[in-house]
Each structure stands twice: as structure tokens, then as C-alpha cells.
Amino acid sequence: QVALVESGGGLVQPGGSLTLSCFASGFTFRKYDMRWYRQAPGKERELVGHIDKIANFTNYGDSVKGRFTISRDNAKNTMYLQMNSLKPEDTATYYCNTWRISDGRTSEFWGQGTQVIVSS
């Protein structure tokens, strides 16, 4: 059973940094790409970025490009989101995500989320 558990959220001042973690279990982590999403109050869920299964490739949403970095440690079944130069508009609940495609159908798996508040 796929399980994703995010941690590391909290309150940070504008311009500060924070690192989120996503621990995965119930599947062979090193075989699957992963994503980070976020959802701010009253807004739709937004893709933050994507990392391939062997961390050779990452891409990012325009709003975080150059400030956020996704990485993973397949030996620890963990994905990370390093967030620098944080802005109030980065305030959101952050979710990790993976997915499976079988028989033409996509199944999404989500963690419970971890809240990040950027405020002075």
C-alpha cells in the first residue's frame, strides 16, 4: 500500500529557507518519478516540481524556478524540497505525489501535506 508522509513545514520569515521531506513506503521508491504540489487557501493545487526516478531530471513551476530545488535519496526512500528566498505567496500546504498508469487509467497517491507559512 502506497504511503507518503510529508514533514518539515512551519513558520518562516520572508527571505528565509525551509526543507521539506517526503518519506515513501509501500512501493519500490527508486522505480518511480515523484512530484511536489502545493495548495494555498482558496486556490487550486499547483505543481511545484517533478523529479525522475534516478534524479537525472527535474523541472519546476515558473513561480518557484531558481528558488526551489527537488532532490531524492533512493536509499532512504525520501524526496526533499529545498525552498530558498521564500515569499509570502509561497504560503501553502505542500504535498508529495506519485502516480501509476494501468490499463489506461491513472491512479494518484498523495501524502497528508505539510503546511508552510511565510510571514514576518
N, C-alpha and C. Protein backbone atom coordinates (compact mmCIF):
# COMPACT_ATOMS: atom_id res chain seq x y z
N GLN A 1 0.85 -1.19 0.00
CA GLN A 1 0.00 0.00 0.00
C GLN A 1 0.89 1.24 0.00
N VAL A 2 0.67 2.08 -0.99
CA VAL A 2 1.48 3.30 -1.11
C VAL A 2 1.17 4.24 0.03
N ALA A 3 2.20 4.74 0.68
CA ALA A 3 2.04 5.75 1.73
C ALA A 3 3.11 6.82 1.54
N LEU A 4 2.69 8.07 1.64
CA LEU A 4 3.60 9.21 1.52
C LEU A 4 3.40 10.09 2.74
N VAL A 5 4.48 10.45 3.41
CA VAL A 5 4.38 11.26 4.62
C VAL A 5 5.32 12.45 4.50
N GLU A 6 4.71 13.64 4.46
CA GLU A 6 5.50 14.87 4.38
C GLU A 6 5.82 15.38 5.78
N SER A 7 6.92 16.09 5.87
CA SER A 7 7.31 16.72 7.13
C SER A 7 8.20 17.91 6.83
N GLY A 8 8.40 18.73 7.86
CA GLY A 8 9.32 19.85 7.73
C GLY A 8 8.69 21.21 7.57
N GLY A 9 7.36 21.27 7.49
CA GLY A 9 6.70 22.55 7.34
C GLY A 9 6.80 23.38 8.62
N GLY A 10 6.40 24.64 8.49
CA GLY A 10 6.42 25.52 9.65
C GLY A 10 6.31 26.97 9.25
N LEU A 11 6.58 27.82 10.20
CA LEU A 11 6.53 29.27 10.01
C LEU A 11 7.95 29.78 9.72
N VAL A 12 8.08 30.56 8.66
CA VAL A 12 9.39 31.10 8.28
C VAL A 12 9.20 32.53 7.82
N GLN A 13 10.20 33.35 8.04
CA GLN A 13 10.13 34.74 7.63
C GLN A 13 10.41 34.88 6.13
N PRO A 14 9.88 35.91 5.52
CA PRO A 14 10.21 36.17 4.11
C PRO A 14 11.72 36.25 3.91
N GLY A 15 12.17 35.63 2.84
CA GLY A 15 13.61 35.55 2.56
C GLY A 15 14.29 34.36 3.19
N GLY A 16 13.57 33.65 4.04
CA GLY A 16 14.15 32.50 4.72
C GLY A 16 14.12 31.24 3.89
N SER A 17 14.58 30.15 4.51
CA SER A 17 14.67 28.86 3.85
C SER A 17 14.02 27.79 4.69
N LEU A 18 13.61 26.74 4.01
CA LEU A 18 12.98 25.60 4.68
C LEU A 18 13.19 24.39 3.79
N THR A 19 13.35 23.22 4.40
CA THR A 19 13.46 21.98 3.64
C THR A 19 12.35 21.02 4.05
N LEU A 20 11.58 20.61 3.10
CA LEU A 20 10.52 19.62 3.32
C LEU A 20 11.02 18.23 2.93
N SER A 21 10.48 17.22 3.60
CA SER A 21 10.80 15.83 3.29
C SER A 21 9.52 15.07 2.99
N CYS A 22 9.67 14.06 2.16
CA CYS A 22 8.56 13.16 1.87
C CYS A 22 9.09 11.73 1.95
N PHE A 23 8.64 11.00 2.96
CA PHE A 23 9.07 9.61 3.12
C PHE A 23 8.03 8.70 2.46
N ALA A 24 8.51 7.80 1.62
CA ALA A 24 7.63 6.92 0.86
C ALA A 24 7.76 5.48 1.33
N SER A 25 6.67 4.77 1.34
CA SER A 25 6.69 3.34 1.67
C SER A 25 5.60 2.63 0.89
N GLY A 26 5.71 1.31 0.86
CA GLY A 26 4.68 0.51 0.20
C GLY A 26 4.92 0.30 -1.28
N PHE A 27 6.02 0.80 -1.80
CA PHE A 27 6.36 0.58 -3.20
C PHE A 27 7.87 0.75 -3.36
N THR A 28 8.37 0.35 -4.52
CA THR A 28 9.80 0.45 -4.78
C THR A 28 10.12 1.86 -5.23
N PHE A 29 10.50 2.68 -4.29
CA PHE A 29 10.64 4.12 -4.48
C PHE A 29 11.55 4.46 -5.66
N ARG A 30 12.64 3.75 -5.82
CA ARG A 30 13.65 4.10 -6.82
C ARG A 30 13.14 3.90 -8.25
N LYS A 31 11.99 3.26 -8.41
CA LYS A 31 11.47 2.97 -9.74
C LYS A 31 10.47 4.01 -10.25
N TYR A 32 10.16 5.01 -9.42
CA TYR A 32 9.08 5.93 -9.80
C TYR A 32 9.48 7.39 -9.68
N ASP A 33 9.01 8.17 -10.66
CA ASP A 33 9.11 9.61 -10.58
C ASP A 33 8.23 10.13 -9.44
N MET A 34 8.58 11.33 -8.97
CA MET A 34 7.83 11.94 -7.87
C MET A 34 7.60 13.42 -8.17
N ARG A 35 6.60 13.97 -7.51
CA ARG A 35 6.30 15.39 -7.67
C ARG A 35 5.98 16.03 -6.33
N TRP A 36 6.21 17.33 -6.27
CA TRP A 36 5.71 18.17 -5.18
C TRP A 36 4.62 19.08 -5.76
N TYR A 37 3.55 19.19 -5.01
CA TYR A 37 2.47 20.13 -5.30
C TYR A 37 2.28 21.03 -4.09
N ARG A 38 1.55 22.11 -4.29
CA ARG A 38 1.14 22.95 -3.17
C ARG A 38 -0.25 23.50 -3.43
N GLN A 39 -0.93 23.83 -2.34
CA GLN A 39 -2.25 24.41 -2.44
C GLN A 39 -2.40 25.50 -1.40
N ALA A 40 -2.60 26.71 -1.88
CA ALA A 40 -2.82 27.85 -0.99
C ALA A 40 -4.32 27.95 -0.69
N PRO A 41 -4.68 28.56 0.43
CA PRO A 41 -6.10 28.71 0.76
C PRO A 41 -6.87 29.41 -0.36
N GLY A 42 -7.95 28.78 -0.77
CA GLY A 42 -8.80 29.38 -1.78
C GLY A 42 -8.29 29.25 -3.20
N LYS A 43 -7.20 28.51 -3.38
CA LYS A 43 -6.62 28.36 -4.72
C LYS A 43 -6.55 26.88 -5.10
N GLU A 44 -6.36 26.65 -6.39
CA GLU A 44 -6.24 25.28 -6.88
C GLU A 44 -4.84 24.74 -6.57
N ARG A 45 -4.76 23.42 -6.53
CA ARG A 45 -3.46 22.78 -6.31
C ARG A 45 -2.55 23.08 -7.49
N GLU A 46 -1.30 23.38 -7.19
CA GLU A 46 -0.33 23.83 -8.19
C GLU A 46 0.88 22.90 -8.17
N LEU A 47 1.36 22.53 -9.35
CA LEU A 47 2.57 21.72 -9.43
C LEU A 47 3.78 22.58 -9.10
N VAL A 48 4.55 22.14 -8.11
CA VAL A 48 5.78 22.82 -7.72
C VAL A 48 6.94 22.31 -8.57
N GLY A 49 7.03 20.97 -8.69
CA GLY A 49 8.12 20.42 -9.48
C GLY A 49 8.10 18.92 -9.53
N HIS A 50 8.98 18.39 -10.33
CA HIS A 50 8.99 16.97 -10.68
C HIS A 50 10.44 16.49 -10.66
N ILE A 51 10.64 15.25 -10.20
CA ILE A 51 11.96 14.65 -10.27
C ILE A 51 11.81 13.24 -10.81
N ASP A 52 12.70 12.83 -11.69
CA ASP A 52 12.60 11.48 -12.24
C ASP A 52 13.16 10.47 -11.24
N LYS A 53 13.02 9.19 -11.56
CA LYS A 53 13.29 8.16 -10.57
C LYS A 53 14.75 8.05 -10.17
N ILE A 54 15.67 8.49 -11.03
CA ILE A 54 17.08 8.41 -10.65
C ILE A 54 17.69 9.79 -10.47
N ALA A 55 16.83 10.81 -10.34
CA ALA A 55 17.27 12.18 -10.07
C ALA A 55 18.17 12.75 -11.16
N ASN A 56 17.96 12.29 -12.39
CA ASN A 56 18.70 12.86 -13.52
C ASN A 56 18.01 14.08 -14.09
N PHE A 57 16.73 14.22 -13.79
CA PHE A 57 15.93 15.26 -14.43
C PHE A 57 14.99 15.87 -13.41
N THR A 58 14.96 17.19 -13.36
CA THR A 58 13.97 17.90 -12.56
C THR A 58 13.39 19.03 -13.40
N ASN A 59 12.16 19.38 -13.12
CA ASN A 59 11.63 20.62 -13.66
C ASN A 59 10.72 21.26 -12.63
N TYR A 60 10.47 22.56 -12.81
CA TYR A 60 9.82 23.36 -11.78
C TYR A 60 8.78 24.29 -12.39
N GLY A 61 7.79 24.61 -11.56
CA GLY A 61 6.84 25.63 -11.95
C GLY A 61 7.52 26.99 -12.02
N ASP A 62 6.99 27.86 -12.85
CA ASP A 62 7.61 29.16 -13.06
C ASP A 62 7.71 29.97 -11.77
N SER A 63 6.75 29.80 -10.89
CA SER A 63 6.71 30.62 -9.67
C SER A 63 7.82 30.26 -8.68
N VAL A 64 8.44 29.09 -8.83
CA VAL A 64 9.47 28.67 -7.87
C VAL A 64 10.81 28.44 -8.53
N LYS A 65 10.87 28.54 -9.83
CA LYS A 65 12.10 28.26 -10.56
C LYS A 65 13.24 29.17 -10.07
N GLY A 66 14.38 28.58 -9.80
CA GLY A 66 15.52 29.34 -9.32
C GLY A 66 15.57 29.50 -7.81
N ARG A 67 14.48 29.18 -7.13
CA ARG A 67 14.43 29.32 -5.67
C ARG A 67 14.28 27.97 -4.96
N PHE A 68 13.59 27.04 -5.60
CA PHE A 68 13.32 25.73 -5.00
C PHE A 68 14.13 24.66 -5.73
N THR A 69 14.53 23.64 -4.96
CA THR A 69 15.28 22.52 -5.53
C THR A 69 14.70 21.21 -5.00
N ILE A 70 14.39 20.31 -5.92
CA ILE A 70 13.90 18.98 -5.55
C ILE A 70 15.06 18.00 -5.66
N SER A 71 15.16 17.12 -4.67
CA SER A 71 16.16 16.06 -4.71
C SER A 71 15.55 14.81 -4.09
N ARG A 72 16.28 13.72 -4.18
CA ARG A 72 15.79 12.48 -3.58
C ARG A 72 16.98 11.62 -3.18
N ASP A 73 16.73 10.79 -2.18
CA ASP A 73 17.70 9.80 -1.72
C ASP A 73 17.00 8.46 -1.80
N ASN A 74 17.28 7.72 -2.85
CA ASN A 74 16.57 6.44 -3.05
C ASN A 74 16.93 5.41 -1.98
N ALA A 75 18.09 5.53 -1.37
CA ALA A 75 18.45 4.61 -0.30
C ALA A 75 17.60 4.84 0.95
N LYS A 76 17.08 6.06 1.09
CA LYS A 76 16.26 6.41 2.25
C LYS A 76 14.78 6.52 1.91
N ASN A 77 14.43 6.20 0.67
CA ASN A 77 13.02 6.31 0.25
C ASN A 77 12.44 7.70 0.53
N THR A 78 13.23 8.71 0.31
CA THR A 78 12.83 10.06 0.69
C THR A 78 13.10 11.07 -0.44
N MET A 79 12.15 11.95 -0.64
CA MET A 79 12.28 13.07 -1.56
C MET A 79 12.32 14.35 -0.72
N TYR A 80 13.01 15.35 -1.22
CA TYR A 80 13.17 16.60 -0.50
C TYR A 80 12.75 17.78 -1.38
N LEU A 81 12.37 18.85 -0.70
CA LEU A 81 12.13 20.12 -1.37
C LEU A 81 12.86 21.21 -0.58
N GLN A 82 13.96 21.69 -1.15
CA GLN A 82 14.71 22.79 -0.54
C GLN A 82 14.12 24.10 -1.07
N MET A 83 13.64 24.92 -0.15
CA MET A 83 12.99 26.17 -0.53
C MET A 83 13.80 27.34 0.01
N ASN A 84 14.27 28.18 -0.89
CA ASN A 84 15.05 29.36 -0.53
C ASN A 84 14.33 30.63 -0.96
N SER A 85 14.77 31.74 -0.40
CA SER A 85 14.19 33.05 -0.75
C SER A 85 12.67 33.01 -0.70
N LEU A 86 12.15 32.48 0.37
CA LEU A 86 10.71 32.29 0.49
C LEU A 86 9.97 33.62 0.51
N LYS A 87 8.78 33.60 -0.10
CA LYS A 87 7.93 34.78 -0.21
C LYS A 87 6.59 34.48 0.45
N PRO A 88 5.86 35.50 0.87
CA PRO A 88 4.54 35.25 1.46
C PRO A 88 3.64 34.44 0.53
N GLU A 89 3.78 34.63 -0.75
CA GLU A 89 2.94 33.89 -1.70
C GLU A 89 3.31 32.41 -1.81
N ASP A 90 4.38 31.98 -1.14
CA ASP A 90 4.70 30.55 -1.06
C ASP A 90 3.93 29.86 0.06
N THR A 91 3.19 30.65 0.85
CA THR A 91 2.37 30.06 1.91
C THR A 91 1.35 29.10 1.31
N ALA A 92 1.38 27.87 1.77
CA ALA A 92 0.51 26.82 1.22
C ALA A 92 0.72 25.53 2.00
N THR A 93 -0.14 24.58 1.73
CA THR A 93 0.11 23.21 2.17
C THR A 93 0.82 22.50 1.03
N TYR A 94 1.91 21.84 1.35
CA TYR A 94 2.75 21.18 0.34
C TYR A 94 2.54 19.67 0.42
N TYR A 95 2.35 19.08 -0.76
CA TYR A 95 2.05 17.66 -0.86
C TYR A 95 3.06 16.96 -1.77
N CYS A 96 3.44 15.76 -1.40
CA CYS A 96 4.17 14.95 -2.36
C CYS A 96 3.21 13.98 -3.04
N ASN A 97 3.62 13.56 -4.20
CA ASN A 97 2.71 12.83 -5.10
C ASN A 97 3.48 11.83 -5.95
N THR A 98 2.84 10.70 -6.18
CA THR A 98 3.30 9.78 -7.21
C THR A 98 2.07 9.21 -7.90
N TRP A 99 2.27 8.52 -8.98
CA TRP A 99 1.13 8.06 -9.75
C TRP A 99 1.49 6.76 -10.48
N ARG A 100 0.45 6.04 -10.85
CA ARG A 100 0.60 4.81 -11.61
C ARG A 100 -0.39 4.84 -12.76
N ILE A 101 0.05 4.31 -13.88
CA ILE A 101 -0.83 4.19 -15.03
C ILE A 101 -1.00 2.71 -15.34
N SER A 102 -2.23 2.25 -15.32
CA SER A 102 -2.51 0.85 -15.57
C SER A 102 -3.78 0.73 -16.37
N ASP A 103 -3.72 -0.03 -17.45
CA ASP A 103 -4.89 -0.21 -18.31
C ASP A 103 -5.48 1.13 -18.74
N GLY A 104 -4.62 2.09 -18.99
CA GLY A 104 -5.07 3.39 -19.46
C GLY A 104 -5.64 4.29 -18.39
N ARG A 105 -5.61 3.85 -17.14
CA ARG A 105 -6.15 4.65 -16.05
C ARG A 105 -5.01 5.09 -15.13
N THR A 106 -5.10 6.32 -14.66
CA THR A 106 -4.08 6.87 -13.78
C THR A 106 -4.58 6.90 -12.34
N SER A 107 -3.78 6.36 -11.45
CA SER A 107 -4.07 6.42 -10.02
C SER A 107 -3.07 7.36 -9.36
N GLU A 108 -3.57 8.30 -8.61
CA GLU A 108 -2.72 9.28 -7.93
C GLU A 108 -2.62 8.91 -6.45
N PHE A 109 -1.45 9.15 -5.91
CA PHE A 109 -1.23 8.92 -4.48
C PHE A 109 -0.67 10.19 -3.86
N TRP A 110 -1.23 10.55 -2.70
CA TRP A 110 -0.89 11.81 -2.05
C TRP A 110 -0.56 11.58 -0.59
N GLY A 111 0.32 12.44 -0.08
CA GLY A 111 0.51 12.48 1.36
C GLY A 111 -0.54 13.36 2.00
N GLN A 112 -0.42 13.54 3.31
CA GLN A 112 -1.40 14.34 4.05
C GLN A 112 -1.08 15.83 3.97
N GLY A 113 0.11 16.15 3.53
CA GLY A 113 0.51 17.54 3.38
C GLY A 113 1.22 18.08 4.61
N THR A 114 2.04 19.09 4.37
CA THR A 114 2.69 19.81 5.46
C THR A 114 2.57 21.31 5.17
N GLN A 115 2.20 22.06 6.19
CA GLN A 115 1.87 23.47 5.99
C GLN A 115 3.11 24.35 6.12
N VAL A 116 3.23 25.26 5.17
CA VAL A 116 4.30 26.25 5.19
C VAL A 116 3.66 27.63 5.24
N ILE A 117 4.07 28.42 6.21
CA ILE A 117 3.58 29.80 6.34
C ILE A 117 4.78 30.72 6.28
N VAL A 118 4.73 31.64 5.33
CA VAL A 118 5.80 32.61 5.17
C VAL A 118 5.26 33.97 5.59
N SER A 119 5.73 34.43 6.73
CA SER A 119 5.19 35.66 7.29
C SER A 119 6.18 36.27 8.28
N SER A 120 6.16 37.58 8.35
CA SER A 120 7.00 38.26 9.33
C SER A 120 6.20 38.52 10.61
